[in-house]
C-alpha cells in the first residue's frame, strides 16, 4: 500500500527502537536485548507487554524485530490477534505450525529464533491460555513469544511466570504534544500551540487517540484552535458530577442514579464518568484531605472490580450508593 494511503498511526510508526516516543525504561532494555541477539546470544526470554491501547506496545515489538533481524525480520515474525481468534484452535494450529516450520538461517546471524507476536493476548479464553503453556516451553529452541495485553489480571499466572513483564506507561503531555507537532508539520496542518497542547491533554496518554483526533480536525479548512477540538470532543460536564455529589449528600440516591443514567445513555462511558469524578474529588477545596483519600481509594476499588469483569454501570452506582450512605451517617 502507498505510504500516503496508510492511517497516520501506521504511516508514522517508528521503524527502530531509537525512534520510539516515551517508554525509555523499556526501550533501553529492549535495545540491550537487540545487542545480545546480534552478538550471538539466543537466551532472550518470552516477553509480555502490559498497558492500555495506543501507547507503544505493538510499535516496540515490531521495532525490536526490525532492529534485531534488520531487512529479514519478516521471515522471523508472525503476528496474531487474539481478539479475533480467541479459542484453542489458534494455539493448536497457527502457533504450532509456525513453531514447527523450518526457517532458513539468517544471512548474518545464522540460526535464530522466530518471534510470535500475540496481540491482545488477554482476550484468549482460559482454555486457550492453558494450552499455550506447553508451546511456550516446547518451541523455546525456535520461537520467542511477545504477548501484548491491556489487562494482565486476565492472563493466568503460569503464562505470566514464563515471561519477562514490561509495563508500559501512558505517554505524558509533552511527549504527545511533540509527536502531534511532528505529524502536523509532516501533513502541512496549521494549528495553534494551545490547540496542540489541549489535544495532547485530552488524549489519555494514547498517541493513537491523539492522531485519530488530529486527522478528524485536519479536515476543516481553517487553523485548528482549542474551540474546534472542544466542539468535537465532548466531555462529561463537571457541573453534573457536582449535582450527583450534592444528591448523594442529601440522601437522594434515586436522583443521583437518574443523573448517572442520563450521562450513560447520552453516550458517555463509565470510565468517562469515573474519570471526571476523580478530577472533581482531586481539585475540590470543599472536600477534606482525609475524605479525598477515602474517596479515591474507593474509586480505585471500583475500577478494579470493573477491570476484573463486573458490570461497569452497576459498580459505578455502587460507588455513589456508598458515598450516599457515608454522607447520611456523618
Protein backbone atom coordinates (compact mmCIF):
# COMPACT_ATOMS: atom_id res chain seq x y z
CA UNK A 1 0.00 0.00 0.00
CA UNK A 2 1.17 3.54 -0.80
CA UNK A 3 2.51 5.14 2.37
CA UNK A 4 0.30 8.19 1.82
CA UNK A 5 -2.78 5.96 1.96
CA UNK A 6 -1.94 4.48 5.36
CA UNK A 7 -3.60 5.63 8.60
CA UNK A 8 -1.29 8.09 10.32
CA UNK A 9 -0.61 5.73 13.23
CA UNK A 10 0.94 3.33 10.68
CA UNK A 11 2.47 5.99 8.43
CA UNK A 12 4.41 7.49 11.34
CA UNK A 13 5.09 4.28 13.27
CA UNK A 14 8.76 4.24 14.38
CA UNK A 15 10.94 1.84 12.39
CA UNK A 16 13.52 1.46 15.16
CA UNK A 17 13.62 1.44 18.94
CA UNK A 18 15.70 4.62 18.67
CA UNK A 19 12.65 6.44 17.31
CA UNK A 20 10.11 5.26 19.90
CA UNK A 21 8.47 8.09 21.86
CA UNK A 22 8.48 7.63 25.63
CA UNK A 23 8.80 4.26 27.44
CA UNK A 24 12.53 4.91 27.99
CA UNK A 25 12.57 2.44 30.90
CA UNK A 26 11.53 -0.30 28.46
CA UNK A 27 13.26 0.80 25.26
CA UNK A 28 16.68 0.80 26.90
CA UNK A 29 16.22 -2.85 28.00
CA UNK A 30 14.96 -3.92 24.59
CA UNK A 31 17.97 -2.28 22.94
CA UNK A 32 20.24 -4.36 25.16
CA UNK A 33 18.35 -7.46 24.01
CA UNK A 34 18.89 -6.45 20.37
CA UNK A 35 22.62 -6.08 21.00
CA UNK A 36 22.69 -9.50 22.67
CA UNK A 37 20.86 -11.17 19.76
CA UNK A 38 23.19 -9.65 17.20
CA UNK A 39 26.14 -10.72 19.34
CA UNK A 40 25.07 -14.36 19.19
CA UNK A 41 23.08 -14.61 22.43
CA UNK A 42 19.96 -16.76 21.96
CA UNK A 43 18.68 -16.66 25.57
CA UNK A 44 16.09 -13.88 25.30
CA UNK A 45 13.01 -14.83 27.38
CA UNK A 46 9.40 -14.61 26.29
CA UNK A 47 8.09 -11.07 26.77
CA UNK A 48 4.80 -9.64 27.96
CA UNK A 49 3.96 -6.02 27.19
CA UNK A 50 1.24 -4.66 29.51
CA UNK A 51 -0.57 -1.36 29.13
CA UNK A 52 -3.54 0.48 27.67
CA UNK A 53 -4.08 0.72 23.92
CA UNK A 54 -2.17 3.19 21.78
CA UNK A 55 0.92 3.72 23.95
CA UNK A 56 3.53 1.73 22.02
CA UNK A 57 3.29 -2.00 22.76
CA UNK A 58 2.95 -3.14 19.12
CA UNK A 59 5.41 -0.48 17.97
CA UNK A 60 8.10 -1.72 20.38
CA UNK A 61 7.55 -5.35 19.38
CA UNK A 62 7.92 -4.59 15.66
CA UNK A 63 10.87 -2.26 16.27
CA UNK A 64 12.60 -4.99 18.29
CA UNK A 65 12.21 -7.42 15.41
CA UNK A 66 13.42 -4.89 12.82
CA UNK A 67 16.45 -3.87 14.89
CA UNK A 68 17.41 -7.45 15.68
CA UNK A 69 16.84 -9.10 12.29
CA UNK A 70 17.08 -6.00 10.05
CA UNK A 71 15.87 -6.47 6.44
CA UNK A 72 15.00 -10.16 7.03
CA UNK A 73 12.76 -9.51 10.02
CA UNK A 74 9.52 -10.60 8.31
CA UNK A 75 10.94 -14.11 7.84
CA UNK A 76 11.26 -14.39 11.60
CA UNK A 77 7.94 -12.81 12.55
CA UNK A 78 4.27 -13.73 12.77
CA UNK A 79 1.55 -11.53 14.22
CA UNK A 80 -1.71 -12.92 15.57
CA UNK A 81 -4.60 -11.04 17.13
CA UNK A 82 -6.13 -12.98 19.98
CA UNK A 83 -9.27 -10.83 19.99
CA UNK A 84 -10.08 -12.18 16.50
CA UNK A 85 -9.11 -15.77 17.22
CA UNK A 86 -9.72 -16.34 20.89
CA UNK A 87 -10.10 -20.10 21.00
CA UNK A 88 -7.84 -23.05 21.49
CA UNK A 89 -7.55 -23.64 17.73
CA UNK A 90 -5.22 -20.66 17.30
CA UNK A 91 -2.81 -22.35 19.72
CA UNK A 92 -3.17 -25.85 18.30
CA UNK A 93 -2.99 -24.82 14.65
CA UNK A 94 -1.38 -21.48 13.80
CA UNK A 95 1.10 -21.27 16.67
CA UNK A 96 2.05 -24.94 16.38
CA UNK A 97 2.50 -24.62 12.60
CA UNK A 98 4.78 -21.60 12.93
CA UNK A 99 6.68 -23.15 15.84
CA UNK A 100 7.47 -26.36 13.98
CA UNK A 101 8.03 -24.99 10.47
CA UNK A 102 11.58 -24.86 9.14
CA UNK A 103 13.23 -21.49 8.60
CA UNK A 104 16.31 -20.67 6.54
CA UNK A 105 19.20 -19.39 8.66
CA UNK A 106 19.56 -15.63 8.88
CA UNK A 107 22.15 -14.40 6.39
CA UNK A 108 24.36 -12.84 9.08
CA UNK A 109 23.07 -14.20 12.40
CA UNK A 110 22.77 -17.85 11.41
CA UNK A 111 20.14 -19.87 13.25
CA UNK A 112 17.98 -17.54 15.30
CA UNK A 113 14.61 -17.87 16.96
CA UNK A 114 11.35 -16.66 15.41
CA UNK A 115 9.10 -14.11 17.09
CA UNK A 116 5.40 -14.84 17.65
CA UNK A 117 3.60 -11.59 18.49
CA UNK A 118 0.24 -12.31 20.11
CA UNK A 119 -1.74 -9.07 20.30
CA UNK A 120 -4.49 -8.69 22.91
CA UNK A 121 -3.46 -11.98 24.47
CA UNK A 122 -5.70 -11.25 27.46
CA UNK A 123 -8.64 -11.95 25.11
CA UNK A 124 -7.68 -15.62 24.82
CA UNK A 125 -10.11 -17.97 26.53
CA UNK A 126 -8.87 -19.69 29.72
CA UNK A 127 -8.68 -22.96 27.78
CA UNK A 128 -6.52 -21.36 25.08
CA UNK A 129 -4.25 -19.81 27.69
CA UNK A 130 -3.83 -23.16 29.40
CA UNK A 131 -2.99 -24.76 26.05
CA UNK A 132 -0.41 -22.03 25.36
CA UNK A 133 1.78 -23.00 28.30
CA UNK A 134 3.22 -26.10 26.68
CA UNK A 135 4.11 -24.50 23.29
CA UNK A 136 5.96 -21.72 25.11
CA UNK A 137 8.25 -24.40 26.54
CA UNK A 138 8.21 -26.90 23.68
CA UNK A 139 9.17 -24.41 20.96
CA UNK A 140 11.65 -22.45 23.09
CA UNK A 141 14.52 -23.53 20.83
CA UNK A 142 12.91 -22.00 17.76
CA UNK A 143 10.47 -19.34 18.99
CA UNK A 144 10.00 -16.49 21.41
CA UNK A 145 6.57 -15.17 22.28
CA UNK A 146 5.78 -11.49 22.73
CA UNK A 147 2.36 -11.13 24.35
CA UNK A 148 0.63 -7.76 24.25
CA UNK A 149 -2.08 -7.34 26.89
CA UNK A 150 -4.25 -4.49 28.15
CA UNK A 151 -5.08 -6.16 31.45
CA UNK A 152 -2.57 -8.59 32.95
CA UNK A 153 -5.16 -9.72 35.53
CA UNK A 154 -6.87 -11.65 32.74
CA UNK A 155 -3.73 -13.65 31.96
CA UNK A 156 -3.19 -16.81 34.01
CA UNK A 157 -0.17 -16.90 36.33
CA UNK A 158 1.62 -19.78 34.53
CA UNK A 159 1.77 -17.63 31.37
CA UNK A 160 2.98 -14.55 33.26
CA UNK A 161 5.63 -16.61 35.04
CA UNK A 162 7.05 -17.70 31.68
CA UNK A 163 7.56 -14.08 30.56
CA UNK A 164 9.61 -11.03 31.35
CA UNK A 165 6.86 -8.48 32.01
CA UNK A 166 7.23 -4.88 30.83
CA UNK A 167 4.61 -2.38 31.98
CA UNK A 168 4.03 0.47 29.55
CA UNK A 169 3.07 3.90 30.88
CA UNK A 170 0.66 6.34 29.20
CA UNK A 171 2.63 8.97 27.30
CA UNK A 172 2.94 12.27 29.11
CA UNK A 173 1.58 15.53 27.74
CA UNK A 174 4.94 16.83 26.46
CA UNK A 175 5.70 13.58 24.60
CA UNK A 176 2.27 13.59 22.98
CA UNK A 177 2.47 17.26 22.11
CA UNK A 178 5.83 16.75 20.39
CA UNK A 179 4.51 13.80 18.38
CA UNK A 180 1.38 15.73 17.38
CA UNK A 181 3.57 18.61 16.22
CA UNK A 182 5.75 16.27 14.14
CA UNK A 183 2.74 14.77 12.34
CA UNK A 184 1.07 18.16 11.90
CA UNK A 185 4.24 19.52 10.27
CA UNK A 186 4.54 16.43 8.07
CA UNK A 187 0.96 16.76 6.89
CA UNK A 188 1.00 20.54 6.49
CA UNK A 189 -1.63 21.09 9.19
CA UNK A 190 -1.95 24.51 10.79
CA UNK A 191 -2.85 24.54 14.47
CA UNK A 192 -2.16 26.84 17.38
CA UNK A 193 0.25 25.83 20.14
CA UNK A 194 -2.65 25.92 22.58
CA UNK A 195 -4.66 23.52 20.40
CA UNK A 196 -1.75 21.10 20.18
CA UNK A 197 -1.30 21.20 23.95
CA UNK A 198 -5.05 20.74 24.52
CA UNK A 199 -5.19 17.81 22.12
CA UNK A 200 -2.32 16.16 24.00
CA UNK A 201 -4.03 16.69 27.36
CA UNK A 202 -7.33 15.05 26.33
CA UNK A 203 -5.77 12.01 24.62
CA UNK A 204 -5.40 9.97 27.83
CA UNK A 205 -1.73 9.22 27.12
CA UNK A 206 -2.58 7.46 23.85
CA UNK A 207 -0.81 8.54 20.67
CA UNK A 208 -3.30 6.53 18.61
CA UNK A 209 -6.20 8.51 20.05
CA UNK A 210 -4.31 11.78 19.52
CA UNK A 211 -3.57 11.08 15.86
CA UNK A 212 -7.11 9.93 15.12
CA UNK A 213 -8.43 13.17 16.61
CA UNK A 214 -5.82 15.19 14.72
CA UNK A 215 -6.85 13.63 11.40
CA UNK A 216 -10.50 14.43 12.03
CA UNK A 217 -9.63 18.02 12.92
CA UNK A 218 -7.36 18.36 9.86
CA UNK A 219 -10.32 18.02 7.51
CA UNK A 220 -11.51 21.52 8.36
CA UNK A 221 -10.16 24.33 6.13
CA UNK A 222 -9.20 26.78 8.88
CA UNK A 223 -6.42 26.75 11.50
CA UNK A 224 -7.19 24.29 14.31
CA UNK A 225 -7.91 26.03 17.61
CA UNK A 226 -8.92 24.86 21.08
CA UNK A 227 -12.59 25.66 20.48
CA UNK A 228 -12.64 23.40 17.41
CA UNK A 229 -11.35 20.48 19.46
CA UNK A 230 -13.79 21.05 22.31
CA UNK A 231 -16.70 21.05 19.86
CA UNK A 232 -15.59 17.66 18.54
CA UNK A 233 -14.61 16.02 21.82
CA UNK A 234 -17.46 16.42 24.26
CA UNK A 235 -16.59 15.56 27.85
CA UNK A 236 -18.68 14.95 30.97
CA UNK A 237 -19.89 18.27 32.34
CA UNK A 238 -18.28 18.83 35.74
CA UNK A 239 -21.44 20.56 36.96
CA UNK A 240 -23.35 17.28 36.51
CA UNK A 241 -20.83 15.45 38.68
CA UNK A 242 -21.25 18.15 41.34
CA UNK A 243 -25.02 17.66 41.18
CA UNK A 244 -24.58 13.90 41.67
CA UNK A 245 -22.42 14.56 44.74
CA UNK A 246 -24.99 17.03 46.08
CA UNK A 247 -27.80 14.49 45.62
CA UNK A 248 -25.76 11.84 47.44
CA UNK A 249 -25.01 14.23 50.31
CA UNK A 250 -28.77 14.75 50.76
CA UNK A 251 -29.50 11.02 50.56
CA UNK A 252 -31.34 11.47 47.25
CA UNK A 253 -29.84 8.36 45.68
CA UNK A 254 -32.63 7.94 43.10
CA UNK A 255 -31.89 11.42 41.79
CA UNK A 256 -28.19 10.64 41.66
CA UNK A 257 -28.86 7.43 39.73
CA UNK A 258 -31.07 9.31 37.27
CA UNK A 259 -28.26 11.79 36.57
CA UNK A 260 -25.82 8.89 36.05
CA UNK A 261 -28.25 7.13 33.70
CA UNK A 262 -28.69 10.33 31.68
CA UNK A 263 -24.92 10.61 31.21
CA UNK A 264 -24.62 6.93 30.31
CA UNK A 265 -27.45 6.94 27.76
CA UNK A 266 -26.08 10.13 26.21
CA UNK A 267 -23.03 8.19 25.16
CA UNK A 268 -20.55 8.69 28.00
CA UNK A 269 -18.80 5.57 29.24
CA UNK A 270 -18.44 4.59 32.87
CA UNK A 271 -14.71 5.36 32.51
CA UNK A 272 -15.60 8.89 31.35
CA UNK A 273 -17.85 9.45 34.37
CA UNK A 274 -15.40 7.90 36.82
CA UNK A 275 -12.51 9.95 35.47
CA UNK A 276 -14.44 13.22 35.77
CA UNK A 277 -15.46 12.17 39.31
CA UNK A 278 -11.79 11.68 40.15
CA UNK A 279 -10.96 15.12 38.72
CA UNK A 280 -13.70 16.68 40.87
CA UNK A 281 -12.52 14.98 44.05
CA UNK A 282 -8.87 15.82 43.39
CA UNK A 283 -9.47 19.52 42.69
CA UNK A 284 -12.30 20.27 45.11
CA UNK A 285 -11.37 22.56 48.02
CA UNK A 286 -14.62 21.68 49.81
CA UNK A 287 -13.63 18.02 50.34
CA UNK A 288 -11.25 17.46 53.30
CA UNK A 289 -7.96 15.66 52.62
CA UNK A 290 -8.90 12.54 54.61
CA UNK A 291 -12.19 12.29 52.73
CA UNK A 292 -10.35 12.64 49.41
CA UNK A 293 -8.12 9.70 50.33
CA UNK A 294 -11.14 7.52 51.17
CA UNK A 295 -12.99 8.53 48.00
CA UNK A 296 -10.03 7.92 45.71
CA UNK A 297 -9.33 4.55 47.37
CA UNK A 298 -12.96 3.57 46.84
CA UNK A 299 -12.79 4.68 43.20
CA UNK A 300 -9.69 2.52 42.75
CA UNK A 301 -11.62 -0.46 44.12
CA UNK A 302 -14.49 0.31 41.75
CA UNK A 303 -12.12 0.42 38.79
CA UNK A 304 -10.56 -2.88 39.90
CA UNK A 305 -13.96 -4.59 40.02
CA UNK A 306 -14.75 -3.25 36.54
CA UNK A 307 -11.43 -4.47 35.13
CA UNK A 308 -11.93 -7.94 36.60
CA UNK A 309 -15.26 -8.34 34.84
CA UNK A 310 -18.03 -6.79 36.97
CA UNK A 311 -20.81 -4.80 35.32
CA UNK A 312 -19.37 -1.27 34.92
CA UNK A 313 -22.60 0.71 35.40
CA UNK A 314 -23.57 -1.38 38.43
CA UNK A 315 -20.16 -0.80 40.03
CA UNK A 316 -20.36 2.95 39.37
CA UNK A 317 -23.75 3.12 41.08
CA UNK A 318 -22.39 1.06 43.97
CA UNK A 319 -19.70 3.71 44.46
CA UNK A 320 -22.23 6.54 44.66
CA UNK A 321 -24.55 4.45 46.86
CA UNK A 322 -21.59 4.01 49.24
CA UNK A 323 -20.98 7.76 49.08
CA UNK A 324 -24.65 8.48 49.95
CA UNK A 325 -24.53 6.02 52.86
CA UNK A 326 -21.38 7.66 54.25
CA UNK A 327 -22.95 11.12 53.92
CA UNK A 328 -26.07 10.04 55.82
CA UNK A 329 -24.00 8.58 58.67
CA UNK A 330 -21.89 11.69 59.12
